[in-house]
C-alpha atoms as a PDB file:
ATOM      1  CA  MET A   1      91.968-237.168  86.343  1.00  0.00           C
ATOM      2  CA  ASP A   2      95.450-237.836  87.571  1.00  0.00           C
ATOM      3  CA  TRP A   3      95.743-236.941  91.268  1.00  0.00           C
ATOM      4  CA  GLN A   4      99.392-236.167  90.979  1.00  0.00           C
ATOM      5  CA  LEU A   5      98.688-233.290  88.589  1.00  0.00           C
ATOM      6  CA  VAL A   6      96.081-231.534  90.749  1.00  0.00           C
ATOM      7  CA  PRO A   7      97.527-228.645  92.806  1.00  0.00           C
ATOM      8  CA  SER A   8      96.834-228.665  96.534  1.00  0.00           C
ATOM      9  CA  ASN A   9      94.947-225.343  96.470  1.00  0.00           C
ATOM     10  CA  VAL A  10      92.176-226.930  94.347  1.00  0.00           C
ATOM     11  CA  ILE A  11      91.317-229.794  96.700  1.00  0.00           C
ATOM     12  CA  SER A  12      92.155-228.183 100.023  1.00  0.00           C
ATOM     13  CA  PRO A  13      89.172-226.798 101.974  1.00  0.00           C
ATOM     14  CA  LYS A  14      91.312-224.273 103.854  1.00  0.00           C
ATOM     15  CA  GLU A  15      92.162-222.203 100.822  1.00  0.00           C
ATOM     16  CA  ASP A  16      90.349-218.874 100.551  1.00  0.00           C
ATOM     17  CA  ASN A  17      88.771-218.416  97.139  1.00  0.00           C
ATOM     18  CA  ASP A  18      88.832-214.615  97.342  1.00  0.00           C
ATOM     19  CA  LYS A  19      92.634-214.439  97.461  1.00  0.00           C
ATOM     20  CA  GLU A  20      94.429-214.106  94.238  1.00  0.00           C
ATOM     21  CA  ILE A  21      95.968-217.305  93.064  1.00  0.00           C
ATOM     22  CA  LYS A  22      99.672-216.973  92.917  1.00  0.00           C
ATOM     23  CA  GLU A  23     101.345-217.984  89.788  1.00  0.00           C
ATOM     24  CA  GLN A  24     103.029-221.252  90.372  1.00  0.00           C
ATOM     25  CA  SER A  25     105.273-223.413  88.446  1.00  0.00           C
ATOM     26  CA  PRO A  26     103.650-226.618  87.143  1.00  0.00           C
ATOM     27  CA  PRO A  27     103.063-229.059  89.998  1.00  0.00           C
ATOM     28  CA  ILE A  28     105.577-231.730  90.527  1.00  0.00           C
ATOM     29  CA  ALA A  29     104.558-235.171  91.695  1.00  0.00           C
ATOM     30  CA  ALA A  30     106.949-234.879  94.593  1.00  0.00           C
ATOM     31  CA  GLU A  31     104.960-231.943  96.078  1.00  0.00           C
ATOM     32  CA  PHE A  32     102.105-234.255  96.975  1.00  0.00           C
ATOM     33  CA  ASP A  33     102.641-236.481  99.913  1.00  0.00           C
ATOM     34  CA  ASP A  34     100.371-239.222 101.150  1.00  0.00           C
ATOM     35  CA  SER A  35      98.800-237.132 103.909  1.00  0.00           C
ATOM     36  CA  LYS A  36      97.547-234.533 101.443  1.00  0.00           C
ATOM     37  CA  LEU A  37      96.124-237.206  99.197  1.00  0.00           C
ATOM     38  CA  LEU A  38      94.441-238.955 102.126  1.00  0.00           C
ATOM     39  CA  ARG A  39      93.037-235.633 103.304  1.00  0.00           C
ATOM     40  CA  ALA A  40      91.699-234.899  99.806  1.00  0.00           C
ATOM     41  CA  VAL A  41      90.133-238.356  99.528  1.00  0.00           C
ATOM     42  CA  LYS A  42      88.550-237.997 102.974  1.00  0.00           C
ATOM     43  CA  LEU A  43      87.151-234.583 102.073  1.00  0.00           C
ATOM     44  CA  SER A  44      85.814-235.965  98.812  1.00  0.00           C
ATOM     45  CA  GLN A  45      84.172-238.875 100.591  1.00  0.00           C
ATOM     46  CA  THR A  46      82.646-236.536 103.175  1.00  0.00           C
ATOM     47  CA  ARG A  47      81.209-234.338 100.464  1.00  0.00           C
ATOM     48  CA  ALA A  48      79.930-237.386  98.576  1.00  0.00           C
ATOM     49  CA  GLY A  49      78.273-238.676 101.753  1.00  0.00           C
ATOM     50  CA  GLU A  50      76.630-235.288 102.388  1.00  0.00           C
ATOM     51  CA  ALA A  51      75.442-235.174  98.796  1.00  0.00           C
ATOM     52  CA  GLU A  52      74.049-238.696  99.119  1.00  0.00           C
ATOM     53  CA  VAL A  53      72.157-237.746 102.298  1.00  0.00           C
ATOM     54  CA  LYS A  54      70.759-234.654 100.580  1.00  0.00           C
ATOM     55  CA  ALA A  55      69.750-236.750  97.569  1.00  0.00           C
ATOM     56  CA  MET A  56      68.010-239.280  99.827  1.00  0.00           C
ATOM     57  CA  LEU A  57      66.134-236.496 101.641  1.00  0.00           C
ATOM     58  CA  ALA A  58      65.110-234.936  98.340  1.00  0.00           C
ATOM     59  CA  SER A  59      63.961-238.327  97.076  1.00  0.00           C
ATOM     60  CA  LYS A  60      61.976-238.938 100.248  1.00  0.00           C
ATOM     61  CA  GLU A  61      60.326-235.508 100.010  1.00  0.00           C
ATOM     62  CA  SER A  62      59.556-236.140  96.356  1.00  0.00           C
ATOM     63  CA  GLU A  63      57.934-239.482  97.200  1.00  0.00           C
ATOM     64  CA  GLU A  64      55.867-237.844  99.960  1.00  0.00           C
ATOM     65  CA  VAL A  65      54.676-235.102  97.626  1.00  0.00           C
ATOM     66  CA  THR A  66      53.860-237.674  94.956  1.00  0.00           C
ATOM     67  CA  SER A  67      51.884-239.813  97.388  1.00  0.00           C
ATOM     68  CA  LEU A  68      49.990-236.747  98.652  1.00  0.00           C
ATOM     69  CA  LEU A  69      49.168-235.712  95.086  1.00  0.00           C
ATOM     70  CA  LEU A  70      47.944-239.209  94.252  1.00  0.00           C
ATOM     71  CA  LEU A  71      45.841-239.291  97.418  1.00  0.00           C
ATOM     72  CA  ASP A  72      44.290-235.917  96.586  1.00  0.00           C
ATOM     73  CA  ALA A  73      43.617-237.052  93.016  1.00  0.00           C
ATOM     74  CA  LEU A  74      41.955-240.203  94.339  1.00  0.00           C
ATOM     75  CA  LYS A  75      39.780-238.191  96.742  1.00  0.00           C
ATOM     76  CA  LEU A  76      38.844-235.767  93.967  1.00  0.00           C
ATOM     77  CA  SER A  77      37.888-238.638  91.683  1.00  0.00           C
ATOM     78  CA  ALA A  78      35.766-240.207  94.426  1.00  0.00           C
ATOM     79  CA  HIS A  79      33.995-236.902  95.073  1.00  0.00           C
ATOM     80  CA  GLN A  80      33.342-236.404  91.357  1.00  0.00           C
ATOM     81  CA  ARG A  81      31.791-239.863  91.119  1.00  0.00           C
ATOM     82  CA  TRP A  82      29.738-239.183  94.227  1.00  0.00           C
ATOM     83  CA  VAL A  83      28.419-235.961  92.668  1.00  0.00           C
ATOM     84  CA  LYS A  84      27.525-237.864  89.475  1.00  0.00           C
ATOM     85  CA  LEU A  85      25.645-240.489  91.505  1.00  0.00           C
ATOM     86  CA  LEU A  86      23.767-237.766  93.371  1.00  0.00           C
ATOM     87  CA  GLU A  87      22.856-236.091  90.074  1.00  0.00           C
ATOM     88  CA  ILE A  88      21.559-239.409  88.724  1.00  0.00           C
ATOM     89  CA  GLU A  89      19.553-239.963  91.906  1.00  0.00           C
ATOM     90  CA  ILE A  90      18.035-236.480  91.668  1.00  0.00           C
ATOM     91  CA  SER A  91      17.147-237.110  88.030  1.00  0.00           C
ATOM     92  CA  MET A  92      15.448-240.411  88.918  1.00  0.00           C
ATOM     93  CA  LEU A  93      13.485-238.783  91.749  1.00  0.00           C
ATOM     94  CA  GLN A  94      12.336-236.009  89.411  1.00  0.00           C
ATOM     95  CA  ARG A  95      11.181-238.600  86.856  1.00  0.00           C
ATOM     96  CA  ARG A  96       9.297-240.538  89.531  1.00  0.00           C
ATOM     97  CA  ARG A  97       7.628-237.346  90.696  1.00  0.00           C
ATOM     98  CA  ARG A  98       6.610-236.459  87.113  1.00  0.00           C
ATOM     99  CA  LEU A  99       5.312-239.998  86.520  1.00  0.00           C
ATOM    100  CA  GLN A 100       3.369-239.931  89.785  1.00  0.00           C
ATOM    101  CA  ARG A 101       1.814-236.574  88.898  1.00  0.00           C
ATOM    102  CA  TRP A 102       0.958-237.865  85.434  1.00  0.00           C
ATOM    103  CA  LYS A 103      -0.707-240.943  86.943  1.00  0.00           C
ATOM    104  CA  GLU A 104      -2.651-238.784  89.403  1.00  0.00           C
ATOM    105  CA  ASP A 105      -3.719-236.503  86.569  1.00  0.00           C
ATOM    106  CA  GLU A 106      -4.704-239.560  84.545  1.00  0.00           C
ATOM    107  CA  GLU A 107      -6.704-240.932  87.483  1.00  0.00           C
ATOM    108  CA  GLU A 108      -8.439-237.602  87.953  1.00  0.00           C
ATOM    109  CA  ASP A 109      -9.115-237.436  84.234  1.00  0.00           C
ATOM    110  CA  CYS A 110     -10.357-241.025  84.275  1.00  0.00           C
ATOM    111  CA  VAL A 111     -12.675-240.318  87.204  1.00  0.00           C
ATOM    112  CA  GLY A 112     -13.973-237.232  85.454  1.00  0.00           C
ATOM    113  CA  ASP A 113     -14.395-239.100  82.192  1.00  0.00           C
ATOM    114  CA  PHE A 114     -16.160-241.975  83.960  1.00  0.00           C
ATOM    115  CA  ALA A 115     -18.514-239.524  85.691  1.00  0.00           C
ATOM    116  CA  LEU A 116     -19.266-237.879  82.351  1.00  0.00           C
ATOM    117  CA  LEU A 117     -19.913-241.279  80.783  1.00  0.00           C
ATOM    118  CA  LEU A 118     -22.239-242.272  83.619  1.00  0.00           C
ATOM    119  CA  GLY A 119     -24.021-238.976  83.263  1.00  0.00           C
ATOM    120  CA  ILE A 120     -24.526-239.456  79.517  1.00  0.00           C
ATOM    121  CA  ALA A 121     -25.601-243.081  80.052  1.00  0.00           C
ATOM    122  CA  GLY A 122     -28.000-241.979  82.792  1.00  0.00           C
ATOM    123  CA  VAL A 123     -29.529-239.334  80.567  1.00  0.00           C
ATOM    124  CA  GLY A 124     -29.791-241.881  77.755  1.00  0.00           C
ATOM    125  CA  LEU A 125     -31.395-244.401  80.093  1.00  0.00           C
ATOM    126  CA  ALA A 126     -33.815-241.826  81.429  1.00  0.00           C
ATOM    127  CA  TYR A 127     -34.671-240.738  77.893  1.00  0.00           C
ATOM    128  CA  GLY A 128     -35.187-244.364  76.861  1.00  0.00           C
ATOM    129  CA  ILE A 129     -37.441-245.134  79.839  1.00  0.00           C
ATOM    130  CA  ALA A 130     -39.397-241.983  79.303  1.00  0.00           C
ATOM    131  CA  TYR A 131     -39.783-242.784  75.617  1.00  0.00           C
ATOM    132  CA  TYR A 132     -40.911-246.326  76.425  1.00  0.00           C
ATOM    133  CA  LEU A 133     -43.382-245.186  79.032  1.00  0.00           C
ATOM    134  CA  PHE A 134     -44.907-242.498  76.888  1.00  0.00           C
ATOM    135  CA  ARG A 135     -45.008-244.452  73.710  1.00  0.00           C
ATOM    136  CA  TYR A 136     -46.219-247.812  74.882  1.00  0.00           C
ATOM    137  CA  ARG A 137     -48.290-246.900  77.915  1.00  0.00           C
ATOM    138  CA  HIS A 138     -50.557-244.339  76.322  1.00  0.00           C
END
């Protein structure tokens, strides 16, 4: 954009936007003096600096929010893994308990079976002795 063709009411901060713009003849390069141009450049630089500060603040806030979101995601992931480990541990404890009960039941069954076997063997032995005594001693 050519600075010499921009009217002073466009770049001047003192102009009131609510007032009706007077019809003017096309701007002439002679209307602009160096002070107005310097003032316009200074105002532009000020606005650019303010915009840069705002952009830096927005960027900083965005980075903070991003880091907080990543931290929360990391914590959530750690808690989910912790829950999975606890579930696995509970499952293993339940299996051990079932296996222990099964072994105890097996031992009780084995003791009962052994007692039954001894009982049958004892009856058989007693029957055999009685048979021997009555058959060969009489």
